C-alpha atoms as a PDB file:
ATOM      1  CA  MET A   1       0.159  -0.125   0.182  1.00  0.00           C
ATOM      2  CA  MET A   2       1.271   3.090  -1.240  1.00  0.00           C
ATOM      3  CA  GLY A   3       0.354   6.780  -0.170  1.00  0.00           C
ATOM      4  CA  TYR A   4      -0.752   9.429  -2.347  1.00  0.00           C
ATOM      5  CA  PRO A   5       2.476  11.348  -4.686  1.00  0.00           C
ATOM      6  CA  LEU A   6       1.918  15.144  -5.499  1.00  0.00           C
ATOM      7  CA  THR A   7       3.652  15.185  -8.787  1.00  0.00           C
ATOM      8  CA  VAL A   8       4.737  18.229 -10.970  1.00  0.00           C
ATOM      9  CA  ASN A   9       2.015  19.045 -13.831  1.00  0.00           C
ATOM     10  CA  SER A  10       3.517  19.755 -16.732  1.00  0.00           C
ATOM     11  CA  VAL A  11       0.282  20.879 -18.593  1.00  0.00           C
ATOM     12  CA  LEU A  12       0.004  23.588 -20.966  1.00  0.00           C
ATOM     13  CA  ALA A  13      -0.496  26.931 -18.544  1.00  0.00           C
ATOM     14  CA  VAL A  14       0.729  29.450 -21.818  1.00  0.00           C
ATOM     15  CA  LEU A  15      -1.697  32.104 -20.587  1.00  0.00           C
ATOM     16  CA  LEU A  16       0.659  32.903 -17.635  1.00  0.00           C
ATOM     17  CA  LEU A  17       3.844  32.449 -19.756  1.00  0.00           C
ATOM     18  CA  LEU A  18       5.753  35.387 -19.729  1.00  0.00           C
ATOM     19  CA  ALA A  19       2.328  37.707 -19.720  1.00  0.00           C
ATOM     20  CA  ALA A  20       3.682  39.449 -16.321  1.00  0.00           C
ATOM     21  CA  SER A  21       6.224  40.555 -18.060  1.00  0.00           C
ATOM     22  CA  CYS A  22       5.743  43.324 -20.944  1.00  0.00           C
ATOM     23  CA  ASN A  23       8.649  43.199 -22.528  1.00  0.00           C
ATOM     24  CA  MET A  24      10.770  41.274 -20.305  1.00  0.00           C
ATOM     25  CA  PRO A  25      12.280  38.249 -22.381  1.00  0.00           C
ATOM     26  CA  GLY A  26      13.601  36.559 -18.997  1.00  0.00           C
ATOM     27  CA  GLY A  27      10.170  37.147 -17.336  1.00  0.00           C
ATOM     28  CA  GLY A  28       9.673  40.017 -14.436  1.00  0.00           C
ATOM     29  CA  ASP A  29       9.754  39.468 -10.783  1.00  0.00           C
ATOM     30  CA  ARG A  30       6.653  41.435  -9.740  1.00  0.00           C
ATOM     31  CA  SER A  31       6.435  41.077  -6.249  1.00  0.00           C
ATOM     32  CA  ALA A  32       9.827  42.803  -6.066  1.00  0.00           C
ATOM     33  CA  THR A  33       8.238  45.960  -7.260  1.00  0.00           C
ATOM     34  CA  GLN A  34       4.970  45.231  -5.176  1.00  0.00           C
ATOM     35  CA  GLU A  35       6.837  44.815  -2.254  1.00  0.00           C
ATOM     36  CA  GLY A  36       9.158  48.001  -1.628  1.00  0.00           C
ATOM     37  CA  GLY A  37       7.206  50.892  -0.542  1.00  0.00           C
ATOM     38  CA  GLY A  38       9.463  53.151  -1.888  1.00  0.00           C
ATOM     39  CA  GLU A  39       8.694  52.075  -5.395  1.00  0.00           C
ATOM     40  CA  LEU A  40       4.881  51.953  -5.191  1.00  0.00           C
ATOM     41  CA  ASP A  41       5.475  55.998  -3.409  1.00  0.00           C
ATOM     42  CA  SER A  42       7.548  56.465  -6.753  1.00  0.00           C
ATOM     43  CA  LEU A  43       4.792  55.118  -9.364  1.00  0.00           C
ATOM     44  CA  SER A  44       2.168  56.760  -7.198  1.00  0.00           C
ATOM     45  CA  ALA A  45       4.520  60.291  -7.622  1.00  0.00           C
ATOM     46  CA  GLY A  46       5.136  59.605 -11.147  1.00  0.00           C
ATOM     47  CA  LEU A  47       0.845  58.883 -11.728  1.00  0.00           C
ATOM     48  CA  PHE A  48       0.258  61.930  -9.987  1.00  0.00           C
ATOM     49  CA  ASP A  49       2.664  63.941 -12.260  1.00  0.00           C
ATOM     50  CA  LEU A  50       1.368  62.789 -15.426  1.00  0.00           C
ATOM     51  CA  GLU A  51      -1.527  63.107 -14.519  1.00  0.00           C
ATOM     52  CA  GLN A  52      -1.291  66.972 -14.014  1.00  0.00           C
ATOM     53  CA  ARG A  53       0.218  66.688 -17.483  1.00  0.00           C
ATOM     54  CA  ILE A  54      -2.710  65.755 -19.204  1.00  0.00           C
ATOM     55  CA  VAL A  55      -4.728  67.944 -17.802  1.00  0.00           C
ATOM     56  CA  ALA A  56      -2.273  70.710 -19.429  1.00  0.00           C
ATOM     57  CA  ASP A  57      -2.328  69.129 -22.452  1.00  0.00           C
ATOM     58  CA  PRO A  58      -5.274  66.349 -23.604  1.00  0.00           C
ATOM     59  CA  SER A  59      -4.267  66.058 -26.863  1.00  0.00           C
ATOM     60  CA  ASP A  60      -1.038  64.035 -26.670  1.00  0.00           C
ATOM     61  CA  PRO A  61      -1.327  60.369 -26.930  1.00  0.00           C
ATOM     62  CA  ALA A  62       1.967  59.844 -25.801  1.00  0.00           C
ATOM     63  CA  LEU A  63       1.019  60.890 -21.949  1.00  0.00           C
ATOM     64  CA  PHE A  64      -1.886  58.923 -22.187  1.00  0.00           C
ATOM     65  CA  ALA A  65       0.189  55.373 -23.508  1.00  0.00           C
ATOM     66  CA  GLU A  66       2.753  56.313 -20.647  1.00  0.00           C
ATOM     67  CA  ARG A  67       0.358  56.863 -17.936  1.00  0.00           C
ATOM     68  CA  ALA A  68      -0.903  52.686 -19.536  1.00  0.00           C
ATOM     69  CA  ARG A  69       2.477  51.583 -18.145  1.00  0.00           C
ATOM     70  CA  LEU A  70       2.377  53.095 -15.333  1.00  0.00           C
ATOM     71  CA  TYR A  71      -1.276  51.408 -14.401  1.00  0.00           C
ATOM     72  CA  LEU A  72       0.053  48.260 -15.491  1.00  0.00           C
ATOM     73  CA  ARG A  73       3.820  48.427 -13.075  1.00  0.00           C
ATOM     74  CA  PHE A  74      -0.089  48.670 -10.419  1.00  0.00           C
ATOM     75  CA  ASP A  75      -1.585  45.751 -12.059  1.00  0.00           C
ATOM     76  CA  SER A  76      -4.446  48.480 -13.004  1.00  0.00           C
ATOM     77  CA  THR A  77      -5.089  46.636 -16.006  1.00  0.00           C
ATOM     78  CA  ASP A  78      -8.473  48.169 -16.854  1.00  0.00           C
ATOM     79  CA  GLN A  79      -7.089  51.253 -16.586  1.00  0.00           C
ATOM     80  CA  ALA A  80      -4.524  50.816 -18.701  1.00  0.00           C
ATOM     81  CA  ILE A  81      -6.440  49.595 -21.365  1.00  0.00           C
ATOM     82  CA  ASN A  82      -9.060  52.401 -21.211  1.00  0.00           C
ATOM     83  CA  ASP A  83      -5.386  55.096 -21.257  1.00  0.00           C
ATOM     84  CA  LEU A  84      -4.036  52.652 -24.545  1.00  0.00           C
ATOM     85  CA  ARG A  85      -7.558  53.156 -26.251  1.00  0.00           C
ATOM     86  CA  ARG A  86      -7.500  56.411 -25.640  1.00  0.00           C
ATOM     87  CA  ALA A  87      -3.873  57.222 -27.117  1.00  0.00           C
ATOM     88  CA  LEU A  88      -5.501  55.585 -30.079  1.00  0.00           C
ATOM     89  CA  ALA A  89      -7.969  57.647 -30.660  1.00  0.00           C
ATOM     90  CA  LEU A  90      -5.321  60.181 -30.963  1.00  0.00           C
ATOM     91  CA  ASP A  91      -3.143  58.208 -32.947  1.00  0.00           C
ATOM     92  CA  SER A  92      -4.575  55.748 -34.870  1.00  0.00           C
ATOM     93  CA  THR A  93      -1.490  54.423 -36.511  1.00  0.00           C
ATOM     94  CA  ASN A  94       0.978  54.064 -33.357  1.00  0.00           C
ATOM     95  CA  ALA A  95       2.381  50.251 -33.833  1.00  0.00           C
ATOM     96  CA  ARG A  96       3.502  50.092 -30.674  1.00  0.00           C
ATOM     97  CA  TYR A  97      -0.233  51.333 -28.942  1.00  0.00           C
ATOM     98  CA  GLN A  98      -1.882  48.994 -30.409  1.00  0.00           C
ATOM     99  CA  LEU A  99       0.564  46.593 -29.274  1.00  0.00           C
ATOM    100  CA  ALA A 100       0.687  47.967 -25.855  1.00  0.00           C
ATOM    101  CA  LEU A 101      -3.121  47.653 -26.062  1.00  0.00           C
ATOM    102  CA  GLY A 102      -2.783  44.212 -26.951  1.00  0.00           C
ATOM    103  CA  GLU A 103      -0.412  43.175 -24.009  1.00  0.00           C
ATOM    104  CA  ALA A 104      -3.245  44.604 -21.417  1.00  0.00           C
ATOM    105  CA  TYR A 105      -5.850  42.513 -22.813  1.00  0.00           C
ATOM    106  CA  TYR A 106      -3.704  39.656 -22.473  1.00  0.00           C
ATOM    107  CA  LEU A 107      -2.597  40.477 -18.869  1.00  0.00           C
ATOM    108  CA  SER A 108      -6.273  40.469 -18.273  1.00  0.00           C
ATOM    109  CA  LEU A 109      -6.950  37.313 -20.383  1.00  0.00           C
ATOM    110  CA  GLN A 110      -8.915  38.524 -22.675  1.00  0.00           C
ATOM    111  CA  VAL A 111      -7.202  36.508 -25.916  1.00  0.00           C
ATOM    112  CA  ALA A 112     -10.034  37.524 -28.564  1.00  0.00           C
ATOM    113  CA  GLN A 113      -9.720  41.207 -28.400  1.00  0.00           C
ATOM    114  CA  ALA A 114      -6.007  41.561 -28.013  1.00  0.00           C
ATOM    115  CA  LEU A 115      -5.161  39.620 -31.040  1.00  0.00           C
ATOM    116  CA  PRO A 116      -6.821  41.831 -33.264  1.00  0.00           C
ATOM    117  CA  ARG A 117      -4.174  44.188 -31.874  1.00  0.00           C
ATOM    118  CA  PHE A 118      -0.968  42.471 -32.690  1.00  0.00           C
ATOM    119  CA  GLU A 119      -2.490  41.841 -35.716  1.00  0.00           C
ATOM    120  CA  ARG A 120      -2.862  45.456 -35.897  1.00  0.00           C
ATOM    121  CA  ALA A 121       0.560  46.635 -35.125  1.00  0.00           C
ATOM    122  CA  ILE A 122       2.742  43.931 -37.810  1.00  0.00           C
ATOM    123  CA  GLU A 123       0.206  45.484 -40.563  1.00  0.00           C
ATOM    124  CA  LEU A 124       1.812  49.016 -39.320  1.00  0.00           C
ATOM    125  CA  ASP A 125       5.221  47.992 -38.857  1.00  0.00           C
ATOM    126  CA  PRO A 126       5.916  44.388 -40.494  1.00  0.00           C
ATOM    127  CA  GLY A 127       9.842  44.766 -37.784  1.00  0.00           C
ATOM    128  CA  LEU A 128       7.873  44.704 -35.127  1.00  0.00           C
ATOM    129  CA  THR A 129       9.501  41.393 -33.576  1.00  0.00           C
ATOM    130  CA  GLU A 130       7.580  42.027 -29.885  1.00  0.00           C
ATOM    131  CA  ALA A 131       4.054  41.866 -32.000  1.00  0.00           C
ATOM    132  CA  HIS A 132       4.985  38.842 -33.873  1.00  0.00           C
ATOM    133  CA  LEU A 133       5.543  37.228 -30.448  1.00  0.00           C
ATOM    134  CA  LYS A 134       2.869  37.890 -29.103  1.00  0.00           C
ATOM    135  CA  MET A 135       1.165  36.328 -32.308  1.00  0.00           C
ATOM    136  CA  ALA A 136       2.970  33.570 -31.402  1.00  0.00           C
ATOM    137  CA  GLU A 137       1.656  32.965 -28.259  1.00  0.00           C
ATOM    138  CA  ILE A 138      -1.747  33.623 -28.729  1.00  0.00           C
ATOM    139  CA  GLN A 139      -1.613  30.428 -31.235  1.00  0.00           C
ATOM    140  CA  LEU A 140      -0.031  28.749 -28.667  1.00  0.00           C
ATOM    141  CA  VAL A 141      -2.403  29.029 -26.092  1.00  0.00           C
ATOM    142  CA  LEU A 142      -4.870  28.041 -28.723  1.00  0.00           C
ATOM    143  CA  ARG A 143      -2.940  24.976 -29.949  1.00  0.00           C
ATOM    144  CA  GLN A 144      -2.550  26.745 -33.217  1.00  0.00           C
ATOM    145  CA  TYR A 145       1.337  25.062 -33.392  1.00  0.00           C
ATOM    146  CA  GLN A 146       2.231  26.020 -37.085  1.00  0.00           C
ATOM    147  CA  LEU A 147       0.760  29.709 -37.303  1.00  0.00           C
ATOM    148  CA  ALA A 148       2.534  29.845 -33.929  1.00  0.00           C
ATOM    149  CA  MET A 149       5.893  29.035 -34.809  1.00  0.00           C
ATOM    150  CA  ASP A 150       5.156  31.286 -38.351  1.00  0.00           C
ATOM    151  CA  ALA A 151       4.976  33.976 -35.925  1.00  0.00           C
ATOM    152  CA  VAL A 152       8.095  33.135 -34.429  1.00  0.00           C
ATOM    153  CA  ASN A 153       9.785  32.772 -37.430  1.00  0.00           C
ATOM    154  CA  GLU A 154       8.630  36.044 -38.732  1.00  0.00           C
ATOM    155  CA  ALA A 155      10.100  37.392 -35.485  1.00  0.00           C
ATOM    156  CA  LEU A 156      13.362  35.829 -36.336  1.00  0.00           C
ATOM    157  CA  ARG A 157      13.600  37.172 -39.626  1.00  0.00           C
ATOM    158  CA  THR A 158      13.710  40.193 -38.463  1.00  0.00           C
ATOM    159  CA  ASP A 159      16.543  39.283 -35.470  1.00  0.00           C
ATOM    160  CA  PRO A 160      17.986  35.972 -35.135  1.00  0.00           C
ATOM    161  CA  ASN A 161      19.103  37.141 -31.909  1.00  0.00           C
ATOM    162  CA  LEU A 162      15.741  37.065 -30.162  1.00  0.00           C
ATOM    163  CA  ALA A 163      16.163  35.142 -26.712  1.00  0.00           C
ATOM    164  CA  LYS A 164      11.940  35.185 -26.180  1.00  0.00           C
ATOM    165  CA  GLY A 165      11.821  33.571 -30.042  1.00  0.00           C
ATOM    166  CA  TYR A 166      13.511  30.442 -29.225  1.00  0.00           C
ATOM    167  CA  TYR A 167      12.345  30.208 -25.741  1.00  0.00           C
ATOM    168  CA  LEU A 168       8.983  30.042 -27.669  1.00  0.00           C
ATOM    169  CA  LYS A 169       9.801  27.794 -30.601  1.00  0.00           C
ATOM    170  CA  GLY A 170      11.177  25.273 -27.627  1.00  0.00           C
ATOM    171  CA  TRP A 171       7.453  25.511 -26.245  1.00  0.00           C
ATOM    172  CA  ILE A 172       5.481  24.667 -29.881  1.00  0.00           C
ATOM    173  CA  TYR A 173       8.131  21.718 -29.863  1.00  0.00           C
ATOM    174  CA  LYS A 174       7.227  20.140 -26.352  1.00  0.00           C
ATOM    175  CA  GLU A 175       3.704  20.492 -26.624  1.00  0.00           C
ATOM    176  CA  THR A 176       4.301  19.322 -30.117  1.00  0.00           C
ATOM    177  CA  GLY A 177       6.478  16.156 -28.511  1.00  0.00           C
ATOM    178  CA  ASP A 178       9.518  16.717 -30.015  1.00  0.00           C
ATOM    179  CA  THR A 179      11.252  17.217 -26.443  1.00  0.00           C
ATOM    180  CA  THR A 180      14.950  16.270 -28.422  1.00  0.00           C
ATOM    181  CA  ARG A 181      14.023  20.018 -30.669  1.00  0.00           C
ATOM    182  CA  ALA A 182      12.350  22.262 -27.505  1.00  0.00           C
ATOM    183  CA  ILE A 183      15.600  21.380 -25.405  1.00  0.00           C
ATOM    184  CA  SER A 184      18.024  22.885 -28.367  1.00  0.00           C
ATOM    185  CA  SER A 185      15.793  25.743 -29.025  1.00  0.00           C
ATOM    186  CA  ILE A 186      15.743  26.652 -25.122  1.00  0.00           C
ATOM    187  CA  ARG A 187      19.701  26.227 -24.685  1.00  0.00           C
ATOM    188  CA  THR A 188      19.664  28.559 -27.534  1.00  0.00           C
ATOM    189  CA  ALA A 189      17.770  31.217 -25.441  1.00  0.00           C
ATOM    190  CA  VAL A 190      19.683  30.818 -22.809  1.00  0.00           C
ATOM    191  CA  GLU A 191      22.926  31.043 -25.157  1.00  0.00           C
ATOM    192  CA  GLN A 192      21.210  34.625 -26.146  1.00  0.00           C
ATOM    193  CA  ASP A 193      20.285  35.684 -22.646  1.00  0.00           C
ATOM    194  CA  PRO A 194      22.194  34.280 -19.697  1.00  0.00           C
ATOM    195  CA  SER A 195      19.888  35.064 -17.445  1.00  0.00           C
ATOM    196  CA  PHE A 196      16.307  33.823 -18.982  1.00  0.00           C
ATOM    197  CA  TYR A 197      15.425  32.393 -15.604  1.00  0.00           C
ATOM    198  CA  ASP A 198      12.382  30.598 -16.967  1.00  0.00           C
ATOM    199  CA  ALA A 199      13.998  28.896 -19.848  1.00  0.00           C
ATOM    200  CA  PHE A 200      16.687  27.243 -17.201  1.00  0.00           C
ATOM    201  CA  ILE A 201      13.515  26.030 -15.288  1.00  0.00           C
ATOM    202  CA  GLN A 202      11.602  24.985 -19.045  1.00  0.00           C
ATOM    203  CA  LEU A 203      15.465  23.116 -19.533  1.00  0.00           C
ATOM    204  CA  GLY A 204      14.947  21.766 -15.788  1.00  0.00           C
ATOM    205  CA  LEU A 205      11.581  20.160 -16.728  1.00  0.00           C
ATOM    206  CA  LEU A 206      12.056  18.739 -20.069  1.00  0.00           C
ATOM    207  CA  HIS A 207      15.464  17.008 -18.941  1.00  0.00           C
ATOM    208  CA  ALA A 208      13.342  15.849 -16.024  1.00  0.00           C
ATOM    209  CA  ALA A 209      10.805  14.375 -17.901  1.00  0.00           C
ATOM    210  CA  ILE A 210      13.771  12.511 -19.465  1.00  0.00           C
ATOM    211  CA  ASP A 211      15.564  11.215 -16.132  1.00  0.00           C
ATOM    212  CA  ASP A 212      17.720  13.634 -17.161  1.00  0.00           C
ATOM    213  CA  ASP A 213      20.228  14.853 -13.755  1.00  0.00           C
ATOM    214  CA  LEU A 214      20.948  17.958 -15.828  1.00  0.00           C
ATOM    215  CA  ALA A 215      17.524  19.356 -14.686  1.00  0.00           C
ATOM    216  CA  LEU A 216      19.447  19.399 -11.487  1.00  0.00           C
ATOM    217  CA  GLN A 217      22.247  21.686 -13.158  1.00  0.00           C
ATOM    218  CA  TYR A 218      19.201  23.637 -14.831  1.00  0.00           C
ATOM    219  CA  TYR A 219      17.249  24.565 -11.504  1.00  0.00           C
ATOM    220  CA  ASN A 220      20.898  25.117  -9.814  1.00  0.00           C
ATOM    221  CA  THR A 221      21.027  28.134 -12.908  1.00  0.00           C
ATOM    222  CA  ALA A 222      17.924  28.962 -12.187  1.00  0.00           C
ATOM    223  CA  LEU A 223      18.286  29.326  -8.416  1.00  0.00           C
ATOM    224  CA  GLU A 224      21.314  31.231  -8.428  1.00  0.00           C
ATOM    225  CA  LEU A 225      19.601  33.775 -10.570  1.00  0.00           C
ATOM    226  CA  ARG A 226      15.854  33.479  -8.145  1.00  0.00           C
ATOM    227  CA  PRO A 227      17.892  32.178  -4.576  1.00  0.00           C
ATOM    228  CA  ARG A 228      14.407  32.626  -3.111  1.00  0.00           C
ATOM    229  CA  SER A 229      12.752  30.808  -5.753  1.00  0.00           C
ATOM    230  CA  VAL A 230      10.452  28.740  -4.621  1.00  0.00           C
ATOM    231  CA  GLU A 231       9.159  27.221  -8.078  1.00  0.00           C
ATOM    232  CA  ALA A 232      12.675  25.933  -8.746  1.00  0.00           C
ATOM    233  CA  LEU A 233      13.184  24.712  -5.297  1.00  0.00           C
ATOM    234  CA  TYR A 234       9.891  22.493  -5.276  1.00  0.00           C
ATOM    235  CA  ASN A 235      11.032  21.475  -8.742  1.00  0.00           C
ATOM    236  CA  LYS A 236      14.219  20.339  -7.610  1.00  0.00           C
ATOM    237  CA  GLY A 237      12.888  18.580  -4.839  1.00  0.00           C
ATOM    238  CA  MET A 238      10.464  17.046  -6.649  1.00  0.00           C
ATOM    239  CA  PHE A 239      13.352  15.780  -9.090  1.00  0.00           C
ATOM    240  CA  ALA A 240      15.652  14.803  -6.186  1.00  0.00           C
ATOM    241  CA  GLN A 241      12.497  12.631  -4.692  1.00  0.00           C
ATOM    242  CA  GLU A 242      11.856  10.722  -7.611  1.00  0.00           C
ATOM    243  CA  HIS A 243      15.662   9.809  -8.087  1.00  0.00           C
ATOM    244  CA  GLY A 244      16.405   8.666  -4.688  1.00  0.00           C
ATOM    245  CA  GLN A 245      17.943  11.877  -3.205  1.00  0.00           C
ATOM    246  CA  ASP A 246      15.564  12.082  -0.243  1.00  0.00           C
ATOM    247  CA  SER A 247      18.466  14.498   2.030  1.00  0.00           C
ATOM    248  CA  LEU A 248      18.550  16.443  -0.992  1.00  0.00           C
ATOM    249  CA  ALA A 249      14.690  16.936  -1.316  1.00  0.00           C
ATOM    250  CA  LEU A 250      13.950  17.182   1.776  1.00  0.00           C
ATOM    251  CA  ALA A 251      16.561  20.249   1.970  1.00  0.00           C
ATOM    252  CA  CYS A 252      14.400  22.263  -1.453  1.00  0.00           C
ATOM    253  CA  TYR A 253      11.351  21.249   1.287  1.00  0.00           C
ATOM    254  CA  ASP A 254      13.149  23.347   4.441  1.00  0.00           C
ATOM    255  CA  ARG A 255      13.974  25.886   2.085  1.00  0.00           C
ATOM    256  CA  ILE A 256      10.469  26.547   0.886  1.00  0.00           C
ATOM    257  CA  ARG A 257       9.302  26.430   4.275  1.00  0.00           C
ATOM    258  CA  GLU A 258      11.727  29.043   5.218  1.00  0.00           C
ATOM    259  CA  ILE A 259      11.147  31.414   2.751  1.00  0.00           C
ATOM    260  CA  ASP A 260       7.041  30.631   2.850  1.00  0.00           C
ATOM    261  CA  PRO A 261       6.182  28.657   6.081  1.00  0.00           C
ATOM    262  CA  ARG A 262       2.562  27.996   5.128  1.00  0.00           C
ATOM    263  CA  ASN A 263       3.385  26.560   1.927  1.00  0.00           C
ATOM    264  CA  ALA A 264       1.295  23.636   2.616  1.00  0.00           C
ATOM    265  CA  THR A 265       2.631  21.958  -0.399  1.00  0.00           C
ATOM    266  CA  ALA A 266       6.575  21.513   0.808  1.00  0.00           C
ATOM    267  CA  TRP A 267       4.726  20.135   3.905  1.00  0.00           C
ATOM    268  CA  TYR A 268       3.089  17.367   2.320  1.00  0.00           C
ATOM    269  CA  ASN A 269       6.066  16.214   0.238  1.00  0.00           C
ATOM    270  CA  ALA A 270       8.478  16.996   2.878  1.00  0.00           C
ATOM    271  CA  GLY A 271       6.062  13.779   5.130  1.00  0.00           C
ATOM    272  CA  TRP A 272       5.600  11.691   1.333  1.00  0.00           C
ATOM    273  CA  VAL A 273       9.853  11.503   1.477  1.00  0.00           C
ATOM    274  CA  ARG A 274       9.647  10.679   5.035  1.00  0.00           C
ATOM    275  CA  LEU A 275       6.424   8.100   4.478  1.00  0.00           C
ATOM    276  CA  GLU A 276       7.559   6.432   1.417  1.00  0.00           C
ATOM    277  CA  HIS A 277      10.963   6.550   1.686  1.00  0.00           C
ATOM    278  CA  LEU A 278      12.316   6.679   5.501  1.00  0.00           C
ATOM    279  CA  ASN A 279       9.662   4.955   7.489  1.00  0.00           C
ATOM    280  CA  ASP A 280      10.381   8.058   9.521  1.00  0.00           C
ATOM    281  CA  LEU A 281       6.239   7.701  10.680  1.00  0.00           C
ATOM    282  CA  GLU A 282       5.482  10.295  12.708  1.00  0.00           C
ATOM    283  CA  GLN A 283       7.227  12.890  11.670  1.00  0.00           C
ATOM    284  CA  ALA A 284       5.415  12.016   8.228  1.00  0.00           C
ATOM    285  CA  HIS A 285       1.958  12.470  10.087  1.00  0.00           C
ATOM    286  CA  ALA A 286       3.325  15.337  12.071  1.00  0.00           C
ATOM    287  CA  ASP A 287       3.994  16.889   8.222  1.00  0.00           C
ATOM    288  CA  PHE A 288       0.231  15.915   6.970  1.00  0.00           C
ATOM    289  CA  ASP A 289      -0.905  16.689   9.611  1.00  0.00           C
ATOM    290  CA  LYS A 290       0.901  20.431   9.491  1.00  0.00           C
ATOM    291  CA  ALA A 291      -0.180  20.790   5.260  1.00  0.00           C
ATOM    292  CA  TYR A 292      -3.595  19.617   6.406  1.00  0.00           C
ATOM    293  CA  ARG A 293      -4.414  22.301   9.102  1.00  0.00           C
ATOM    294  CA  LEU A 294      -2.542  24.614   6.821  1.00  0.00           C
ATOM    295  CA  LEU A 295      -4.788  24.152   3.660  1.00  0.00           C
ATOM    296  CA  PRO A 296      -7.849  22.030   5.069  1.00  0.00           C
ATOM    297  CA  GLY A 297      -9.255  21.091   1.908  1.00  0.00           C
ATOM    298  CA  TYR A 298      -6.352  19.363   1.001  1.00  0.00           C
ATOM    299  CA  HIS A 299      -7.846  15.836   0.986  1.00  0.00           C
ATOM    300  CA  GLN A 300      -4.233  14.355  -0.009  1.00  0.00           C
ATOM    301  CA  ALA A 301      -2.550  15.445   3.179  1.00  0.00           C
ATOM    302  CA  VAL A 302      -6.020  14.082   5.175  1.00  0.00           C
ATOM    303  CA  PHE A 303      -5.541  11.037   3.615  1.00  0.00           C
ATOM    304  CA  ASN A 304      -1.800  10.426   3.815  1.00  0.00           C
ATOM    305  CA  ARG A 305      -1.987  11.403   7.776  1.00  0.00           C
ATOM    306  CA  GLY A 306      -4.346   7.844   7.809  1.00  0.00           C
ATOM    307  CA  VAL A 307      -1.591   6.178   5.926  1.00  0.00           C
ATOM    308  CA  ALA A 308       0.466   7.037   8.539  1.00  0.00           C
ATOM    309  CA  ASN A 309      -1.863   6.481  11.050  1.00  0.00           C
ATOM    310  CA  GLU A 310      -2.455   2.886   9.910  1.00  0.00           C
ATOM    311  CA  ARG A 311       1.053   1.592   9.645  1.00  0.00           C
ATOM    312  CA  LEU A 312       1.506   2.989  13.268  1.00  0.00           C
ATOM    313  CA  GLY A 313      -0.877   1.077  14.312  1.00  0.00           C
ATOM    314  CA  ARG A 314      -3.575   3.387  15.258  1.00  0.00           C
ATOM    315  CA  LEU A 315      -6.287   2.079  13.194  1.00  0.00           C
ATOM    316  CA  ASP A 316      -9.193   3.994  14.406  1.00  0.00           C
ATOM    317  CA  SER A 317      -7.123   7.026  13.914  1.00  0.00           C
ATOM    318  CA  ALA A 318      -6.673   6.125  10.184  1.00  0.00           C
ATOM    319  CA  ALA A 319      -9.860   5.173   9.483  1.00  0.00           C
ATOM    320  CA  ALA A 320     -10.864   8.539  10.831  1.00  0.00           C
ATOM    321  CA  ASP A 321      -8.926  10.177   8.503  1.00  0.00           C
ATOM    322  CA  TYR A 322      -9.814   7.975   5.454  1.00  0.00           C
ATOM    323  CA  ARG A 323     -13.797   9.109   6.167  1.00  0.00           C
ATOM    324  CA  GLU A 324     -12.323  12.765   6.035  1.00  0.00           C
ATOM    325  CA  ALA A 325     -10.471  12.759   2.751  1.00  0.00           C
ATOM    326  CA  LEU A 326     -13.710  10.744   1.284  1.00  0.00           C
ATOM    327  CA  ASP A 327     -15.754  13.838   2.786  1.00  0.00           C
ATOM    328  CA  LEU A 328     -13.443  16.320   0.829  1.00  0.00           C
ATOM    329  CA  LYS A 329     -13.515  13.837  -2.231  1.00  0.00           C
ATOM    330  CA  PRO A 330     -16.728  11.544  -1.999  1.00  0.00           C
ATOM    331  CA  ASP A 331     -14.635  10.047  -5.039  1.00  0.00           C
ATOM    332  CA  PHE A 332     -11.672   9.461  -3.624  1.00  0.00           C
ATOM    333  CA  GLU A 333     -11.075   5.791  -4.198  1.00  0.00           C
ATOM    334  CA  LEU A 334      -7.431   5.756  -2.185  1.00  0.00           C
ATOM    335  CA  ALA A 335      -9.334   6.590   0.879  1.00  0.00           C
ATOM    336  CA  ALA A 336     -12.409   3.917   0.221  1.00  0.00           C
ATOM    337  CA  LEU A 337      -9.670   0.972  -0.563  1.00  0.00           C
ATOM    338  CA  GLY A 338      -8.479   2.327   3.425  1.00  0.00           C
ATOM    339  CA  LEU A 339     -11.812   2.228   4.759  1.00  0.00           C
ATOM    340  CA  GLN A 340     -12.515  -1.672   3.157  1.00  0.00           C
ATOM    341  CA  ARG A 341      -8.881  -2.179   4.526  1.00  0.00           C
ATOM    342  CA  LEU A 342      -9.518  -1.585   7.585  1.00  0.00           C
ATOM    343  CA  SER A 343     -13.459  -2.892   7.909  1.00  0.00           C
ATOM    344  CA  ASP A 344     -11.090  -6.223   6.993  1.00  0.00           C
ATOM    345  CA  GLN A 345      -9.731  -6.007  10.059  1.00  0.00           C
ATOM    346  CA  GLY A 346     -12.546  -5.499  11.887  1.00  0.00           C
ATOM    347  CA  VAL A 347     -11.565  -1.869  12.585  1.00  0.00           C
ATOM    348  CA  ARG A 348     -15.646   0.117  13.003  1.00  0.00           C
ATOM    349  CA  VAL A 349     -15.215   2.406   9.993  1.00  0.00           C
ATOM    350  CA  GLY A 350     -18.495   4.171   9.944  1.00  0.00           C
ATOM    351  CA  ALA A 351     -19.204   7.745  11.700  1.00  0.00           C
ATOM    352  CA  PRO A 352     -18.500   7.717  15.615  1.00  0.00           C
END
């Protein structure tokens, strides 16, 4: 009997792919902007200044476009969209305003509204590589892989050194099942931009999928770029966990808990290693209990707490945990099987 594992989910997540960083090829760390009070004060002062300038000259489209950029830094996409519409009302042939409006729509997940803006930007300026790459992202979201590749190649014809272009090519190859070309393309991306954090994460995931120890090297590089990246630590921990490197896995989960003590998944995964690999049942029980207390709907955690209880011989407690897991997820087959197993041993498994 095994506990219930938690694994890396590698399904398509392109709606968030680079969307948080309008023109930053390596992906921006928005939290750094949002955490600093001084930075927020500066943004507020910038907005106030722009409002005064707009009042003085409401016919200047550049002022509205500039204010839209500041609104996006505040995550105020609706205000940014309104300002970019006003900029375009004043200058409808500006390709960069069209691009910016498309990006604002894309950030707010309004893909249908974003697409024609990118198309219009390309009509106005065929050499605008950012617009071609955004078109590629949209087509990737829509799973129109050939159209996505065509858009990337258009951008690379203009600028063959675009790191983001090779990164997107890698995503297209990954989604179409060509791991070898995916790795090759994303390696080219990091050759063009050695600070491209997202690309190193993807290289780690691609190598992990083929059980290649190079995955650890790429996760380590990502951590050199962002030492507090929970994502990189989690991926590194999962690779270690799945390849018999229990001490490394636990070190990664411990580090995540230092950074984010309320990260339920880190507590859960530490419990999993202790339960299934180290037979440290009491500590595994404590880890699963902590994960469940942090995230009360975490049915896997309460189930595995039950597994720990069962192996420790605390069968009544195990039955209570399995019942609780089924309350949270009525179709949870492993919990139902656990109750049946205990019932076969004469344990009272009905509600007390």
